[in-house]
Amino acid sequence: MKVRLAGELVTCYLFAMRLCYSGKAVLRVFASCGQEAFLEGHLHALSALGSVPKDKVRYDNLKAAVARVLGSQVRTGNGRWTAFRSHYAIEAAYCLPGIEGAH
């Protein structure tokens, strides 16, 4: 997304987590789209939601989380993301790669 910051148009990145059943959404804008922003976005969302979602959280195959796609639901996770998910007991489900998994 583009925002005007101190009079200049700057590219920023939006972290969005939306719960499937309630539709409640948590958004956060970052200056980068690196893994640090991805993890910080999760911390903010978990705090705003008050807990970890009880069901699986669906993700696309972003590099901050997925090191390699091995099959329809089989992924080699990025090490820091795997440790983060384990610590917070986040159960992840991944979309199919390409147009077949587009949401």
N, C-alpha and C. Protein backbone atom coordinates (compact mmCIF):
# COMPACT_ATOMS: atom_id res chain seq x y z
N MET A 1 0.84 -1.17 0.00
CA MET A 1 0.00 0.00 0.00
C MET A 1 0.89 1.24 0.00
N LYS A 2 0.35 2.33 -0.51
CA LYS A 2 1.07 3.60 -0.53
C LYS A 2 0.44 4.54 0.50
N VAL A 3 1.28 5.20 1.29
CA VAL A 3 0.81 6.19 2.25
C VAL A 3 1.64 7.46 2.09
N ARG A 4 1.03 8.57 2.40
CA ARG A 4 1.76 9.83 2.36
C ARG A 4 2.31 10.07 3.77
N LEU A 5 3.64 10.11 3.86
CA LEU A 5 4.33 10.26 5.13
C LEU A 5 5.27 11.45 5.02
N ALA A 6 5.04 12.45 5.84
CA ALA A 6 5.83 13.69 5.81
C ALA A 6 5.88 14.27 4.40
N GLY A 7 4.73 14.19 3.71
CA GLY A 7 4.62 14.78 2.39
C GLY A 7 5.11 13.91 1.24
N GLU A 8 5.69 12.75 1.53
CA GLU A 8 6.20 11.86 0.48
C GLU A 8 5.37 10.59 0.41
N LEU A 9 5.18 10.07 -0.81
CA LEU A 9 4.48 8.83 -1.01
C LEU A 9 5.43 7.68 -0.72
N VAL A 10 5.08 6.84 0.26
CA VAL A 10 5.95 5.77 0.72
C VAL A 10 5.22 4.44 0.58
N THR A 11 5.93 3.40 0.14
CA THR A 11 5.37 2.05 0.07
C THR A 11 5.44 1.42 1.45
N CYS A 12 4.30 0.92 1.93
CA CYS A 12 4.22 0.20 3.20
C CYS A 12 3.56 -1.14 2.95
N TYR A 13 3.58 -2.00 3.94
CA TYR A 13 3.07 -3.36 3.81
C TYR A 13 2.06 -3.62 4.90
N LEU A 14 0.99 -4.28 4.55
CA LEU A 14 -0.12 -4.51 5.46
C LEU A 14 -0.13 -5.95 5.94
N PHE A 15 -0.07 -6.15 7.25
CA PHE A 15 -0.29 -7.46 7.85
C PHE A 15 -1.77 -7.52 8.19
N ALA A 16 -2.42 -8.59 7.78
CA ALA A 16 -3.86 -8.75 8.07
C ALA A 16 -4.12 -10.17 8.56
N MET A 17 -4.83 -10.28 9.67
CA MET A 17 -5.30 -11.57 10.16
C MET A 17 -6.80 -11.43 10.37
N ARG A 18 -7.56 -12.31 9.74
CA ARG A 18 -9.02 -12.26 9.87
C ARG A 18 -9.51 -13.63 10.28
N LEU A 19 -10.35 -13.66 11.31
CA LEU A 19 -10.91 -14.92 11.78
C LEU A 19 -12.06 -15.35 10.87
N CYS A 20 -12.08 -16.63 10.52
CA CYS A 20 -13.08 -17.12 9.57
C CYS A 20 -14.50 -17.05 10.12
N TYR A 21 -14.72 -17.43 11.36
CA TYR A 21 -16.09 -17.54 11.87
C TYR A 21 -16.67 -16.20 12.30
N SER A 22 -15.91 -15.43 13.06
CA SER A 22 -16.44 -14.16 13.54
C SER A 22 -16.22 -13.03 12.53
N GLY A 23 -15.23 -13.20 11.66
CA GLY A 23 -14.89 -12.14 10.72
C GLY A 23 -14.07 -11.02 11.34
N LYS A 24 -13.73 -11.15 12.63
CA LYS A 24 -12.93 -10.12 13.29
C LYS A 24 -11.56 -10.04 12.61
N ALA A 25 -11.12 -8.83 12.35
CA ALA A 25 -9.85 -8.63 11.65
C ALA A 25 -8.91 -7.77 12.49
N VAL A 26 -7.63 -8.05 12.36
CA VAL A 26 -6.58 -7.26 12.99
C VAL A 26 -5.61 -6.87 11.88
N LEU A 27 -5.34 -5.59 11.76
CA LEU A 27 -4.46 -5.07 10.72
C LEU A 27 -3.31 -4.30 11.34
N ARG A 28 -2.17 -4.32 10.66
CA ARG A 28 -1.01 -3.55 11.12
C ARG A 28 -0.18 -3.17 9.90
N VAL A 29 0.27 -1.95 9.84
CA VAL A 29 1.08 -1.46 8.73
C VAL A 29 2.55 -1.48 9.13
N PHE A 30 3.41 -1.95 8.22
CA PHE A 30 4.85 -2.03 8.46
C PHE A 30 5.61 -1.37 7.32
N ALA A 31 6.83 -0.96 7.63
CA ALA A 31 7.70 -0.35 6.62
C ALA A 31 8.36 -1.40 5.73
N SER A 32 8.37 -2.65 6.19
CA SER A 32 8.97 -3.73 5.39
C SER A 32 8.03 -4.94 5.42
N CYS A 33 8.34 -5.89 4.56
CA CYS A 33 7.53 -7.12 4.56
C CYS A 33 8.38 -8.31 4.95
N GLY A 34 9.40 -8.07 5.76
CA GLY A 34 10.30 -9.12 6.21
C GLY A 34 9.67 -9.99 7.28
N GLN A 35 10.41 -11.02 7.64
CA GLN A 35 9.91 -11.97 8.64
C GLN A 35 9.68 -11.30 9.99
N GLU A 36 10.49 -10.31 10.34
CA GLU A 36 10.29 -9.61 11.61
C GLU A 36 8.91 -8.97 11.66
N ALA A 37 8.50 -8.34 10.56
CA ALA A 37 7.17 -7.72 10.49
C ALA A 37 6.08 -8.78 10.57
N PHE A 38 6.29 -9.91 9.90
CA PHE A 38 5.33 -11.02 9.93
C PHE A 38 5.13 -11.54 11.36
N LEU A 39 6.23 -11.74 12.08
CA LEU A 39 6.13 -12.24 13.46
C LEU A 39 5.54 -11.18 14.39
N GLU A 40 5.98 -9.93 14.23
CA GLU A 40 5.43 -8.84 15.06
C GLU A 40 3.94 -8.65 14.79
N GLY A 41 3.53 -8.81 13.54
CA GLY A 41 2.11 -8.73 13.20
C GLY A 41 1.31 -9.79 13.93
N HIS A 42 1.86 -10.99 14.03
CA HIS A 42 1.19 -12.05 14.78
C HIS A 42 1.09 -11.71 16.27
N LEU A 43 2.18 -11.19 16.83
CA LEU A 43 2.14 -10.82 18.26
C LEU A 43 1.05 -9.77 18.50
N HIS A 44 0.97 -8.78 17.63
CA HIS A 44 -0.06 -7.75 17.76
C HIS A 44 -1.45 -8.37 17.63
N ALA A 45 -1.64 -9.24 16.64
CA ALA A 45 -2.95 -9.86 16.42
C ALA A 45 -3.35 -10.73 17.60
N LEU A 46 -2.44 -11.54 18.11
CA LEU A 46 -2.77 -12.41 19.25
C LEU A 46 -3.13 -11.59 20.48
N SER A 47 -2.43 -10.48 20.68
CA SER A 47 -2.74 -9.59 21.79
C SER A 47 -4.12 -8.95 21.60
N ALA A 48 -4.40 -8.47 20.40
CA ALA A 48 -5.69 -7.82 20.13
C ALA A 48 -6.85 -8.82 20.23
N LEU A 49 -6.62 -10.05 19.81
CA LEU A 49 -7.66 -11.07 19.85
C LEU A 49 -7.83 -11.66 21.24
N GLY A 50 -6.80 -11.56 22.07
CA GLY A 50 -6.87 -12.07 23.43
C GLY A 50 -6.47 -13.53 23.57
N SER A 51 -6.21 -14.22 22.45
CA SER A 51 -5.77 -15.61 22.51
C SER A 51 -5.38 -16.08 21.11
N VAL A 52 -4.87 -17.29 21.07
CA VAL A 52 -4.54 -17.93 19.80
C VAL A 52 -5.83 -18.53 19.24
N PRO A 53 -6.10 -18.39 17.94
CA PRO A 53 -7.29 -19.02 17.37
C PRO A 53 -7.31 -20.52 17.67
N LYS A 54 -8.49 -21.06 17.97
CA LYS A 54 -8.61 -22.47 18.37
C LYS A 54 -8.50 -23.42 17.20
N ASP A 55 -8.83 -22.95 16.00
CA ASP A 55 -8.74 -23.79 14.82
C ASP A 55 -7.51 -23.40 14.02
N LYS A 56 -7.29 -24.08 12.92
CA LYS A 56 -6.14 -23.79 12.08
C LYS A 56 -6.20 -22.36 11.53
N VAL A 57 -5.03 -21.78 11.37
CA VAL A 57 -4.90 -20.47 10.74
C VAL A 57 -4.41 -20.74 9.32
N ARG A 58 -5.10 -20.20 8.33
CA ARG A 58 -4.76 -20.46 6.92
C ARG A 58 -3.78 -19.40 6.43
N TYR A 59 -2.76 -19.88 5.74
CA TYR A 59 -1.72 -19.00 5.20
C TYR A 59 -1.51 -19.29 3.73
N ASP A 60 -1.06 -18.26 3.00
CA ASP A 60 -0.56 -18.53 1.67
C ASP A 60 0.89 -19.01 1.85
N ASN A 61 1.61 -19.16 0.82
CA ASN A 61 2.95 -19.76 0.91
C ASN A 61 4.05 -18.70 0.95
N LEU A 62 3.88 -17.70 1.82
CA LEU A 62 4.84 -16.60 1.89
C LEU A 62 6.18 -17.06 2.43
N LYS A 63 7.24 -16.42 1.97
CA LYS A 63 8.60 -16.82 2.33
C LYS A 63 8.89 -16.66 3.81
N ALA A 64 8.20 -15.76 4.49
CA ALA A 64 8.42 -15.58 5.93
C ALA A 64 8.01 -16.83 6.72
N ALA A 65 7.16 -17.67 6.14
CA ALA A 65 6.69 -18.87 6.82
C ALA A 65 7.16 -20.16 6.17
N VAL A 66 7.19 -20.20 4.85
CA VAL A 66 7.44 -21.44 4.12
C VAL A 66 8.79 -21.39 3.42
N ALA A 67 9.64 -22.37 3.75
CA ALA A 67 10.92 -22.47 3.07
C ALA A 67 10.78 -23.23 1.76
N ARG A 68 9.88 -24.25 1.76
CA ARG A 68 9.71 -25.07 0.55
C ARG A 68 8.36 -25.76 0.57
N VAL A 69 7.68 -25.76 -0.58
CA VAL A 69 6.40 -26.47 -0.75
C VAL A 69 6.72 -27.88 -1.24
N LEU A 70 6.29 -28.89 -0.47
CA LEU A 70 6.59 -30.28 -0.82
C LEU A 70 5.37 -31.03 -1.34
N GLY A 71 4.18 -30.53 -1.05
CA GLY A 71 2.95 -31.19 -1.49
C GLY A 71 1.78 -30.28 -1.20
N SER A 72 0.55 -30.78 -1.39
CA SER A 72 -0.62 -29.91 -1.23
C SER A 72 -0.72 -29.29 0.15
N GLN A 73 -0.41 -30.02 1.21
CA GLN A 73 -0.42 -29.46 2.56
C GLN A 73 0.90 -29.68 3.30
N VAL A 74 1.91 -30.14 2.60
CA VAL A 74 3.20 -30.43 3.23
C VAL A 74 4.18 -29.30 2.91
N ARG A 75 4.73 -28.70 3.94
CA ARG A 75 5.67 -27.60 3.79
C ARG A 75 6.89 -27.83 4.66
N THR A 76 8.02 -27.34 4.19
CA THR A 76 9.18 -27.20 5.05
C THR A 76 9.10 -25.78 5.57
N GLY A 77 8.92 -25.66 6.86
CA GLY A 77 8.74 -24.34 7.46
C GLY A 77 10.05 -23.61 7.64
N ASN A 78 9.99 -22.30 7.60
CA ASN A 78 11.12 -21.47 7.95
C ASN A 78 11.40 -21.69 9.44
N GLY A 79 12.65 -21.81 9.83
CA GLY A 79 13.01 -22.17 11.20
C GLY A 79 12.43 -21.25 12.27
N ARG A 80 12.54 -19.94 12.07
CA ARG A 80 12.02 -19.00 13.08
C ARG A 80 10.50 -19.08 13.16
N TRP A 81 9.84 -19.24 12.01
CA TRP A 81 8.38 -19.35 11.99
C TRP A 81 7.94 -20.64 12.68
N THR A 82 8.64 -21.74 12.43
CA THR A 82 8.31 -23.01 13.07
C THR A 82 8.44 -22.88 14.58
N ALA A 83 9.50 -22.25 15.05
CA ALA A 83 9.69 -22.05 16.49
C ALA A 83 8.60 -21.15 17.07
N PHE A 84 8.24 -20.08 16.35
CA PHE A 84 7.20 -19.16 16.80
C PHE A 84 5.87 -19.88 16.91
N ARG A 85 5.49 -20.63 15.85
CA ARG A 85 4.23 -21.38 15.86
C ARG A 85 4.19 -22.39 17.01
N SER A 86 5.31 -23.06 17.24
CA SER A 86 5.38 -24.05 18.32
C SER A 86 5.19 -23.38 19.68
N HIS A 87 5.83 -22.25 19.87
CA HIS A 87 5.74 -21.54 21.15
C HIS A 87 4.30 -21.10 21.44
N TYR A 88 3.60 -20.59 20.43
CA TYR A 88 2.24 -20.08 20.62
C TYR A 88 1.16 -21.11 20.29
N ALA A 89 1.56 -22.32 19.93
CA ALA A 89 0.63 -23.41 19.58
C ALA A 89 -0.33 -22.99 18.47
N ILE A 90 0.21 -22.36 17.44
CA ILE A 90 -0.57 -21.98 16.27
C ILE A 90 -0.56 -23.16 15.30
N GLU A 91 -1.75 -23.64 14.96
CA GLU A 91 -1.87 -24.73 13.99
C GLU A 91 -2.10 -24.11 12.62
N ALA A 92 -1.16 -24.31 11.71
CA ALA A 92 -1.21 -23.67 10.40
C ALA A 92 -1.74 -24.62 9.34
N ALA A 93 -2.47 -24.07 8.40
CA ALA A 93 -2.89 -24.76 7.18
C ALA A 93 -2.48 -23.87 6.02
N TYR A 94 -1.96 -24.46 4.97
CA TYR A 94 -1.44 -23.68 3.86
C TYR A 94 -2.29 -23.86 2.62
N CYS A 95 -2.48 -22.78 1.88
CA CYS A 95 -3.25 -22.81 0.64
C CYS A 95 -2.45 -23.54 -0.44
N LEU A 96 -3.17 -24.04 -1.43
CA LEU A 96 -2.50 -24.63 -2.58
C LEU A 96 -1.73 -23.55 -3.31
N PRO A 97 -0.55 -23.86 -3.81
CA PRO A 97 0.21 -22.86 -4.56
C PRO A 97 -0.49 -22.52 -5.88
N GLY A 98 -0.22 -21.33 -6.38
CA GLY A 98 -0.72 -20.92 -7.68
C GLY A 98 -2.18 -20.55 -7.67
N ILE A 99 -2.76 -20.48 -8.84
CA ILE A 99 -4.14 -20.03 -9.01
C ILE A 99 -5.15 -20.99 -8.36
N GLU A 100 -4.79 -22.27 -8.23
CA GLU A 100 -5.69 -23.24 -7.62
C GLU A 100 -5.99 -22.90 -6.15
N GLY A 101 -5.01 -22.30 -5.47
CA GLY A 101 -5.17 -21.97 -4.06
C GLY A 101 -5.47 -20.52 -3.79
N ALA A 102 -5.69 -19.74 -4.84
CA ALA A 102 -5.91 -18.30 -4.66
C ALA A 102 -7.20 -18.04 -3.89
N HIS A 103 -7.12 -17.10 -2.96
CA HIS A 103 -8.28 -16.71 -2.15
C HIS A 103 -8.49 -15.22 -2.27
